[in-house]
Protein backbone atom coordinates (compact mmCIF):
# COMPACT_ATOMS: atom_id res chain seq x y z
CA UNK A 1 79.97 135.54 53.19
CA UNK A 2 76.92 135.24 52.19
CA UNK A 3 74.33 137.62 50.95
CA UNK A 4 70.47 137.06 50.72
CA UNK A 5 68.69 139.98 48.69
CA UNK A 6 64.64 139.82 48.70
CA UNK A 7 62.61 140.50 46.35
CA UNK A 8 59.35 141.90 46.87
CA UNK A 9 56.74 139.57 45.49
CA UNK A 10 54.72 142.31 43.74
CA UNK A 11 57.54 143.54 42.14
CA UNK A 12 58.58 139.72 40.42
CA UNK A 13 54.85 138.97 39.40
CA UNK A 14 53.41 142.18 37.78
CA UNK A 15 53.43 142.25 34.07
CA UNK A 16 54.62 145.53 32.74
CA UNK A 17 52.82 146.48 29.15
CA UNK A 18 54.83 143.72 27.47
CA UNK A 19 51.76 141.25 28.00
CA UNK A 20 53.57 137.62 27.06
CA UNK A 21 57.11 138.36 29.77
CA UNK A 22 57.55 139.70 33.05
CA UNK A 23 60.73 141.43 35.02
CA UNK A 24 61.75 139.19 37.36
CA UNK A 25 64.77 141.52 38.72
CA UNK A 26 67.13 144.02 37.44
CA UNK A 27 70.35 143.47 36.02
CA UNK A 28 73.34 145.32 34.33
CA UNK A 29 74.24 142.86 32.17
CA UNK A 30 73.63 139.95 29.88
CA UNK A 31 73.12 136.20 30.56
CA UNK A 32 74.30 133.20 29.27
CA UNK A 33 73.51 130.40 31.19
CA UNK A 34 70.67 129.06 33.58
CA UNK A 35 70.32 125.59 35.77
CA UNK A 36 67.57 124.55 37.70
CA UNK A 37 69.20 122.53 40.29
CA UNK A 38 66.55 120.02 41.52
CA UNK A 39 68.16 118.96 44.86
CA UNK A 40 68.21 122.64 45.94
CA UNK A 41 64.71 123.38 43.82
CA UNK A 42 66.78 126.80 42.84
CA UNK A 43 67.45 128.18 39.58
CA UNK A 44 70.83 129.45 39.08
CA UNK A 45 72.22 131.65 36.53
CA UNK A 46 75.06 133.38 35.50
CA UNK A 47 76.54 135.66 33.07
CA UNK A 48 78.43 138.94 32.70
CA UNK A 49 76.42 141.27 35.39
CA UNK A 50 78.31 143.05 37.88
CA UNK A 51 74.90 144.10 40.16
CA UNK A 52 71.27 142.78 40.66
CA UNK A 53 68.70 145.62 42.20
CA UNK A 54 71.74 147.90 42.37
CA UNK A 55 73.09 145.44 44.94
CA UNK A 56 76.41 143.71 43.68
CA UNK A 57 76.83 140.26 42.61
CA UNK A 58 78.82 139.48 40.28
CA UNK A 59 78.95 136.29 37.73
CA UNK A 60 76.71 134.44 39.18
CA UNK A 61 73.12 134.14 42.02
CA UNK A 62 70.62 131.71 42.96
CA UNK A 63 66.86 132.02 42.65
CA UNK A 64 64.34 130.47 45.28
CA UNK A 65 61.13 131.93 43.23
CA UNK A 66 60.91 134.90 45.81
CA UNK A 67 64.37 135.82 46.69
CA UNK A 68 68.05 135.89 45.16
CA UNK A 69 70.86 135.13 47.41
CA UNK A 70 74.48 134.78 46.43
CA UNK A 71 77.38 132.15 46.48
CA UNK A 72 80.07 133.86 48.64
CA UNK A 73 81.09 137.10 46.96
CA UNK A 74 80.69 135.33 42.72
CA UNK A 75 83.54 135.52 40.57
CA UNK A 76 86.23 137.79 39.77
CA UNK A 77 85.33 139.82 43.18
CA UNK A 78 86.85 139.35 46.59
CA UNK A 79 84.17 141.44 48.75
CA UNK A 80 86.79 144.13 48.72
CA UNK A 81 86.92 146.45 45.52
CA UNK A 82 83.51 148.01 44.93
CA UNK A 83 81.70 147.35 41.37
CA UNK A 84 81.10 147.36 38.38
CA UNK A 85 83.89 144.79 38.63
CA UNK A 86 83.67 142.24 35.87
CA UNK A 87 82.79 141.68 32.19
CA UNK A 88 83.95 138.16 31.64
CA UNK A 89 80.82 135.79 31.59
CA UNK A 90 79.72 132.18 33.81
CA UNK A 91 78.98 129.86 30.91
CA UNK A 92 78.26 126.95 32.80
CA UNK A 93 76.63 125.76 36.10
CA UNK A 94 75.95 122.24 37.17
CA UNK A 95 75.59 120.33 40.69
CA UNK A 96 78.33 117.29 40.67
CA UNK A 97 78.92 115.33 44.15
CA UNK A 98 76.62 117.62 45.59
CA UNK A 99 78.67 120.11 44.80
CA UNK A 100 78.12 123.56 42.23
CA UNK A 101 80.05 123.68 39.82
CA UNK A 102 80.69 127.26 37.79
CA UNK A 103 82.90 127.39 34.43
CA UNK A 104 83.67 130.59 32.08
CA UNK A 105 85.91 132.99 31.16
CA UNK A 106 87.03 134.28 34.39
CA UNK A 107 90.02 134.07 36.63
CA UNK A 108 88.93 134.64 39.88
CA UNK A 109 86.14 133.53 42.81
CA UNK A 110 86.41 134.76 45.91
CA UNK A 111 89.60 135.56 47.09
CA UNK A 112 90.86 132.11 45.00
CA UNK A 113 92.80 132.17 41.63
CA UNK A 114 90.47 129.77 39.56
CA UNK A 115 91.42 130.33 35.81
CA UNK A 116 88.15 129.26 34.44
CA UNK A 117 87.26 126.64 36.64
CA UNK A 118 85.63 126.26 39.99
CA UNK A 119 83.71 124.86 42.71
CA UNK A 120 81.03 125.94 45.20
CA UNK A 121 81.32 124.36 48.72
CA UNK A 122 78.62 125.57 50.45
CA UNK A 123 80.82 127.93 52.19
CA UNK A 124 83.72 129.09 50.25
CA UNK A 125 84.65 129.13 46.59
CA UNK A 126 87.42 126.25 45.66
CA UNK A 127 90.43 125.72 42.73
CA UNK A 128 91.30 122.71 41.24
CA UNK A 129 95.26 123.64 41.51
CA UNK A 130 96.06 125.97 37.84
CA UNK A 131 92.44 125.96 37.03
CA UNK A 132 92.40 125.97 32.85
CA UNK A 133 94.95 127.16 31.29
CA UNK A 134 96.72 127.71 28.00
CA UNK A 135 100.36 126.56 26.51
CA UNK A 136 101.52 130.50 26.88
CA UNK A 137 100.55 130.77 30.45
CA UNK A 138 96.99 132.41 30.12
CA UNK A 139 93.60 131.54 31.56
CA UNK A 140 91.83 128.94 29.52
CA UNK A 141 87.52 129.61 29.31
CA UNK A 142 85.13 126.89 30.31
CA UNK A 143 82.65 126.91 27.92
CA UNK A 144 79.65 123.87 28.74
CA UNK A 145 79.85 121.28 31.50
CA UNK A 146 77.79 117.54 31.37
CA UNK A 147 77.51 114.78 33.50
CA UNK A 148 77.63 111.41 31.15
CA UNK A 149 77.97 107.94 33.06
CA UNK A 150 78.33 109.47 36.55
CA UNK A 151 81.94 111.72 35.17
CA UNK A 152 82.01 115.73 35.09
CA UNK A 153 82.70 116.52 31.44
CA UNK A 154 84.36 120.06 30.70
CA UNK A 155 84.38 121.61 27.42
CA UNK A 156 85.79 125.23 26.19
CA UNK A 157 89.29 126.82 24.50
CA UNK A 158 92.22 125.32 27.12
CA UNK A 159 95.43 123.24 26.85
CA UNK A 160 95.55 121.67 30.49
CA UNK A 161 93.19 121.31 33.45
CA UNK A 162 94.62 121.10 36.65
CA UNK A 163 98.54 120.40 34.97
CA UNK A 164 96.71 117.32 33.09
CA UNK A 165 97.20 118.16 29.30
CA UNK A 166 93.45 118.01 27.36
CA UNK A 167 93.22 119.89 24.08
CA UNK A 168 90.20 121.85 25.20
CA UNK A 169 87.93 118.80 26.66
CA UNK A 170 88.28 116.88 30.24
CA UNK A 171 86.33 114.69 32.60
CA UNK A 172 86.66 114.31 36.06
CA UNK A 173 85.59 111.11 38.25
CA UNK A 174 85.30 113.14 41.65
CA UNK A 175 89.04 112.99 42.60
CA UNK A 176 91.20 113.35 39.33
CA UNK A 177 90.69 115.19 36.29
CA UNK A 178 91.85 113.33 32.92
CA UNK A 179 92.28 113.54 29.14
CA UNK A 180 89.17 112.29 26.72
CA UNK A 181 90.28 109.62 24.35
CA UNK A 182 93.38 111.51 23.77
CA UNK A 183 91.24 113.85 21.88
CA UNK A 184 93.48 115.59 19.17
CA UNK A 185 94.28 119.39 18.15
CA UNK A 186 92.59 119.56 15.43
CA UNK A 187 93.07 123.37 13.84
CA UNK A 188 90.03 125.20 12.89
CA UNK A 189 90.48 126.59 8.91
CA UNK A 190 91.33 129.87 10.68
CA UNK A 191 94.42 128.38 12.09
CA UNK A 192 93.23 128.94 15.82
CA UNK A 193 92.83 126.29 18.47
CA UNK A 194 90.14 123.80 19.47
CA UNK A 195 87.19 125.45 20.71
CA UNK A 196 84.59 122.95 21.74
CA UNK A 197 81.07 124.41 22.14
CA UNK A 198 79.21 121.44 23.73
CA UNK A 199 79.48 117.22 24.97
CA UNK A 200 76.72 114.63 23.82
CA UNK A 201 76.41 110.96 24.01
CA UNK A 202 74.18 109.48 22.05
CA UNK A 203 73.67 105.65 21.16
CA UNK A 204 76.12 105.08 23.48
CA UNK A 205 79.01 107.46 21.27
CA UNK A 206 80.31 110.48 22.31
CA UNK A 207 79.68 113.47 20.34
CA UNK A 208 82.08 116.75 20.35
CA UNK A 209 80.96 119.78 18.66
CA UNK A 210 82.52 123.23 17.93
CA UNK A 211 84.89 125.09 15.57
CA UNK A 212 86.65 122.09 14.11
CA UNK A 213 88.05 121.73 11.04
CA UNK A 214 91.15 120.09 9.82
CA UNK A 215 90.85 121.29 6.40
CA UNK A 216 92.03 121.28 3.92
CA UNK A 217 93.01 117.88 3.65
CA UNK A 218 91.02 115.70 6.23
CA UNK A 219 87.19 115.07 7.00
CA UNK A 220 86.26 116.45 10.54
CA UNK A 221 83.30 119.51 10.35
CA UNK A 222 82.81 120.92 12.95
CA UNK A 223 81.23 117.92 14.57
CA UNK A 224 83.03 114.37 15.37
CA UNK A 225 82.51 111.31 17.33
CA UNK A 226 84.53 108.62 19.28
CA UNK A 227 83.61 105.14 17.89
CA UNK A 228 85.50 103.64 20.17
CA UNK A 229 88.69 103.10 18.70
CA UNK A 230 88.91 106.75 17.08
CA UNK A 231 87.08 110.11 16.38
CA UNK A 232 85.12 110.17 13.36
CA UNK A 233 83.34 112.50 10.94
CA UNK A 234 79.49 112.60 11.61
CA UNK A 235 77.68 112.27 8.40
CA UNK A 236 80.65 114.67 6.41
CA UNK A 237 80.00 116.93 9.60
CA UNK A 238 78.66 120.57 9.08
CA UNK A 239 80.40 123.00 6.63
CA UNK A 240 81.45 126.64 5.78
CA UNK A 241 83.90 129.54 6.11
CA UNK A 242 82.19 131.12 9.09
CA UNK A 243 80.24 127.62 11.06
CA UNK A 244 79.80 127.33 14.41
CA UNK A 245 77.97 124.35 16.03
CA UNK A 246 77.22 125.45 19.87
CA UNK A 247 74.24 123.11 21.39
CA UNK A 248 73.60 119.43 21.09
CA UNK A 249 71.06 117.70 22.84
CA UNK A 250 68.16 114.44 22.44
CA UNK A 251 64.99 114.74 21.23
CA UNK A 252 62.65 112.11 19.88
CA UNK A 253 65.32 110.10 19.86
CA UNK A 254 67.97 111.90 17.21
CA UNK A 255 70.32 113.89 18.23
CA UNK A 256 69.75 117.30 17.74
CA UNK A 257 72.45 119.46 16.80
CA UNK A 258 72.00 123.79 16.74
CA UNK A 259 74.79 127.04 15.72
CA UNK A 260 75.27 128.59 13.08
CA UNK A 261 75.24 126.91 9.59
CA UNK A 262 72.89 126.82 6.82
CA UNK A 263 72.82 125.60 3.00
CA UNK A 264 74.08 129.02 1.96
CA UNK A 265 77.23 128.23 3.60
CA UNK A 266 77.35 124.54 1.74
CA UNK A 267 74.82 122.89 0.08
CA UNK A 268 75.54 119.69 1.77
CA UNK A 269 74.32 121.11 5.08
CA UNK A 270 71.86 119.29 6.82
CA UNK A 271 69.97 122.31 7.29
CA UNK A 272 69.24 125.84 8.06
CA UNK A 273 70.83 126.28 11.91
CA UNK A 274 69.74 123.24 12.95
CA UNK A 275 69.49 119.42 12.22
CA UNK A 276 69.03 116.27 13.67
CA UNK A 277 71.02 112.78 13.30
CA UNK A 278 69.61 109.42 13.97
CA UNK A 279 72.96 107.82 13.59
CA UNK A 280 73.48 107.26 10.15
CA UNK A 281 71.85 110.58 8.58
CA UNK A 282 71.20 113.77 8.80
CA UNK A 283 67.52 115.30 8.01
CA UNK A 284 65.89 118.97 8.71
CA UNK A 285 63.75 120.20 11.53
CA UNK A 286 61.10 121.92 8.61
CA UNK A 287 62.69 124.46 7.01
CA UNK A 288 65.25 125.43 10.48
CA UNK A 289 65.69 128.87 11.94
CA UNK A 290 67.54 132.02 9.72
CA UNK A 291 69.84 132.74 12.45
CA UNK A 292 72.50 131.66 15.45
CA UNK A 293 70.80 129.41 17.64
CA UNK A 294 72.18 129.50 21.07
CA UNK A 295 70.54 127.44 22.99
CA UNK A 296 68.00 124.59 23.16
CA UNK A 297 65.78 122.61 26.00
CA UNK A 298 63.20 120.14 25.83
CA UNK A 299 60.44 120.63 28.05
CA UNK A 300 57.10 118.33 27.87
CA UNK A 301 57.99 116.56 24.93
CA UNK A 302 58.59 120.11 23.41
CA UNK A 303 61.88 121.34 21.80
CA UNK A 304 62.26 125.08 22.55
CA UNK A 305 65.11 127.02 20.53
CA UNK A 306 66.66 130.58 20.98
CA UNK A 307 69.25 132.98 19.89
CA UNK A 308 69.75 136.06 17.15
CA UNK A 309 66.91 134.50 14.51
CA UNK A 310 63.80 136.21 12.80
CA UNK A 311 62.19 133.24 11.38
CA UNK A 312 61.55 129.71 11.90
CA UNK A 313 59.91 127.38 9.72
CA UNK A 314 59.14 129.86 7.46
CA UNK A 315 56.79 131.93 10.34
CA UNK A 316 58.01 135.00 12.38
CA UNK A 317 59.83 134.08 15.06
CA UNK A 318 62.19 136.63 16.92
CA UNK A 319 65.10 135.54 19.03
CA UNK A 320 62.56 132.09 20.42
CA UNK A 321 60.90 129.49 18.69
CA UNK A 322 59.52 125.81 19.64
CA UNK A 323 59.28 122.88 17.42
CA UNK A 324 56.52 119.99 17.97
CA UNK A 325 58.13 117.30 16.06
CA UNK A 326 56.20 118.70 12.70
CA UNK A 327 55.97 122.35 13.35
CA UNK A 328 57.29 125.40 14.21
CA UNK A 329 55.59 127.76 16.42
CA UNK A 330 57.06 131.22 17.26
CA UNK A 331 55.82 133.11 20.26
CA UNK A 332 54.66 136.70 18.61
CA UNK A 333 57.73 138.81 20.64
CA UNK A 334 60.04 141.14 19.24
CA UNK A 335 63.72 141.55 20.91
CA UNK A 336 66.28 144.25 20.61
CA UNK A 337 68.85 142.03 20.94
CA UNK A 338 69.85 137.95 21.27
CA UNK A 339 68.05 136.09 23.54
CA UNK A 340 71.53 133.41 24.71
CA UNK A 341 69.72 130.96 27.00
CA UNK A 342 66.01 129.15 28.44
CA UNK A 343 65.11 127.05 30.94
CA UNK A 344 62.03 126.09 33.23
CA UNK A 345 61.58 126.45 36.81
CA UNK A 346 58.37 125.52 38.51
CA UNK A 347 57.15 124.76 35.15
CA UNK A 348 57.88 128.77 33.86
CA UNK A 349 59.94 129.47 30.51
CA UNK A 350 62.51 131.85 31.84
CA UNK A 351 64.99 133.35 29.46
CA UNK A 352 68.16 135.74 29.10
CA UNK A 353 70.52 137.22 26.93
CA UNK A 354 71.60 140.66 25.99
CA UNK A 355 68.19 142.41 25.40
CA UNK A 356 67.39 145.60 26.52
CA UNK A 357 63.55 145.56 25.35
CA UNK A 358 60.89 142.89 24.94
CA UNK A 359 58.02 144.09 22.62
CA UNK A 360 59.05 147.82 23.22
CA UNK A 361 58.79 147.68 27.09
CA UNK A 362 61.70 148.23 29.13
CA UNK A 363 63.21 144.10 30.52
CA UNK A 364 66.59 143.65 30.28
CA UNK A 365 68.51 140.76 30.23
CA UNK A 366 66.51 138.24 31.89
CA UNK A 367 62.61 137.54 31.55
CA UNK A 368 59.59 135.07 32.70
CA UNK A 369 57.29 133.86 30.35
CA UNK A 370 53.63 134.61 31.50
CA UNK A 371 51.57 134.22 28.20
CA UNK A 372 50.31 130.50 29.14
CA UNK A 373 50.39 128.31 26.31
CA UNK A 374 49.56 131.11 23.73
CA UNK A 375 51.79 130.99 20.26
CA UNK A 376 51.69 133.88 17.69
CA UNK A 377 51.60 131.36 14.75
CA UNK A 378 52.86 127.84 13.30
CA UNK A 379 53.38 126.01 10.36
CA UNK A 380 56.13 126.64 7.23
CA UNK A 381 55.07 128.93 4.53
CA UNK A 382 58.26 129.84 3.30
CA UNK A 383 61.94 128.25 2.71
CA UNK A 384 64.43 129.93 5.32
CA UNK A 385 66.78 130.66 2.65
CA UNK A 386 64.38 132.49 0.51
CA UNK A 387 64.02 134.57 3.74
CA UNK A 388 67.60 135.39 3.98
CA UNK A 389 68.32 136.03 0.76
CA UNK A 390 65.56 138.76 0.40
CA UNK A 391 66.98 140.45 3.89
CA UNK A 392 70.98 140.25 2.69
CA UNK A 393 71.50 143.45 1.54
CA UNK A 394 74.83 144.17 3.09
CA UNK A 395 78.32 142.41 2.13
CA UNK A 396 81.03 141.80 4.71
CA UNK A 397 84.70 141.79 2.65
CA UNK A 398 86.66 139.94 3.64
CA UNK A 399 85.21 137.88 6.28
CA UNK A 400 86.90 136.61 8.56
CA UNK A 401 89.05 138.98 8.80
CA UNK A 402 92.92 140.13 11.31
CA UNK A 403 92.74 144.14 11.34
CA UNK A 404 89.87 145.88 9.33
CA UNK A 405 86.47 144.79 6.98
CA UNK A 406 84.30 147.00 4.88
CA UNK A 407 80.22 146.78 4.98
CA UNK A 408 79.52 147.15 1.68
CA UNK A 409 75.38 148.50 1.02
CA UNK A 410 72.81 148.42 -1.57
CA UNK A 411 71.52 151.59 -0.62
CA UNK A 412 73.24 154.82 0.56
CA UNK A 413 72.92 155.46 4.10
CA UNK A 414 71.96 159.20 5.87
CA UNK A 415 73.36 159.78 9.54
CA UNK A 416 72.79 155.83 10.19
CA UNK A 417 74.23 154.31 13.09
CA UNK A 418 76.08 150.85 13.26
CA UNK A 419 75.86 148.57 16.56
CA UNK A 420 78.26 145.66 17.22
CA UNK A 421 77.83 143.19 19.22
CA UNK A 422 79.63 139.92 21.02
CA UNK A 423 77.99 136.50 21.11
CA UNK A 424 76.17 137.31 24.47
CA UNK A 425 74.28 140.43 23.28
CA UNK A 426 76.63 142.85 24.85
CA UNK A 427 77.42 146.10 22.91
CA UNK A 428 81.58 146.35 21.52
CA UNK A 429 81.61 149.05 19.23
CA UNK A 430 79.24 152.20 18.51
CA UNK A 431 79.74 154.37 14.99
CA UNK A 432 77.34 157.20 14.51
CA UNK A 433 76.50 159.72 11.84
CA UNK A 434 77.61 156.88 9.09
CA UNK A 435 76.93 158.37 5.02
CA UNK A 436 77.11 156.72 1.91
CA UNK A 437 77.49 152.39 0.51
CA UNK A 438 80.39 151.68 2.93
CA UNK A 439 81.54 151.32 6.38
CA UNK A 440 85.03 150.22 7.68
CA UNK A 441 85.42 148.59 10.88
CA UNK A 442 88.50 147.96 12.76
CA UNK A 443 88.87 145.11 15.18
CA UNK A 444 90.88 147.75 17.44
CA UNK A 445 89.28 146.52 21.13
CA UNK A 446 87.96 143.43 19.62
CA UNK A 447 89.18 139.57 20.24
CA UNK A 448 88.87 136.66 18.14
CA UNK A 449 85.67 135.40 17.72
CA UNK A 450 82.39 135.85 16.32
CA UNK A 451 80.16 139.21 16.14
CA UNK A 452 76.52 140.40 14.83
CA UNK A 453 76.07 144.02 13.40
CA UNK A 454 72.87 145.84 12.87
CA UNK A 455 73.02 149.10 10.86
CA UNK A 456 70.08 151.53 12.13
CA UNK A 457 69.16 154.59 9.54
CA UNK A 458 66.64 157.09 11.23
CA UNK A 459 64.49 155.17 13.61
CA UNK A 460 64.71 151.66 10.95
CA UNK A 461 66.64 148.86 11.02
CA UNK A 462 68.08 148.72 7.83
CA UNK A 463 70.19 145.67 7.70
CA UNK A 464 72.37 142.87 10.06
CA UNK A 465 74.68 140.37 9.80
CA UNK A 466 77.67 138.52 10.99
CA UNK A 467 81.46 138.91 10.61
CA UNK A 468 84.33 136.26 12.22
CA UNK A 469 87.70 137.73 13.28
CA UNK A 470 91.04 135.46 12.76
């Protein structure tokens, strides 16, 4: 079953008052991933949305530059039950063996149980037996797909795939799934299961990153590589109590690694939220950025990054920045929430995330850049550590936490609002009319993982930060 949603050309082409960004179409929830498919010349996008331009389109759709079309009924919808139907995201999309593979935190696709992984054969969604599963019988989560040496790799949080034991990483040769070099269980420092966020192939070695720590006696810190005989540390790893390594790619013959880490977390860390590895040692990209990086893309010899940061290389760069090999540049843009993902389609930059406004104008969840080669400011004038320290006015204790934590502020609040978001930018908690210098937060309704908070006092942002639920 296939739906076609025609979008009028003048609607997508007209820039609203945010002069450098344009509305593409309207969604009801965040976008978490893009995939530019050169075979079909289409831009696929996935997320936790259930409606596009008021049509029920769940989790995944594709764009050919003038119209949107669906892949059956998407995920978590059987084409019968009316939406809204899902808040669980699609995290990855890729073409392999001439079929579209999709992973995420979902259980169904069309009328089939798929558990975190499925593929579209052009007519229907298909499953791989039991899909991604945990040992307790619950479904696993797919986070990233990569094609390496003509095999499809998947990583995420799972114990098995199609019944084959695999500790959060597996590969598919087109016929069979298998584990990857017997990747071990590496408990995190908070006792959680392996969470693998990305896979990369660099200098003929396989790299794996995520939230991986074999503390207190081991040497694995969030990134490892297969040296041909064993899984080993990468230059001492990336350390800290609340650290995530989210994404890796090769740029200028070096492995770029990005996520949430800094020299404040550990003085031996190779940079602030982004660093590069040449096969022997780590080094910095300028002073890095001052918040989490969610996604990266290389386009025309330039590295683009997006996430939940405010500065890059010491200059203003809210949510998106680019690195030309020697300096950082910002876009002169202000977002009200996180930018999750970016990609280029027909030489145009597209972004997706949890934002509702860009430069104060209503542009929600997905937008395209129409500002030409414009950048707002470039250079490196102040270290990111200095910026972070000046803006750090809120202490979270305890952090990580299991049941409750407390925000301790340096200045008292008066009728303020606390907003808490998940890593995709979806609001999961709101407290209003807050006063005083302490805010108590319960984990009620929030699962294990990373969250961001923002405090607004009047019309002014008082502060923001991150917290981790065990």
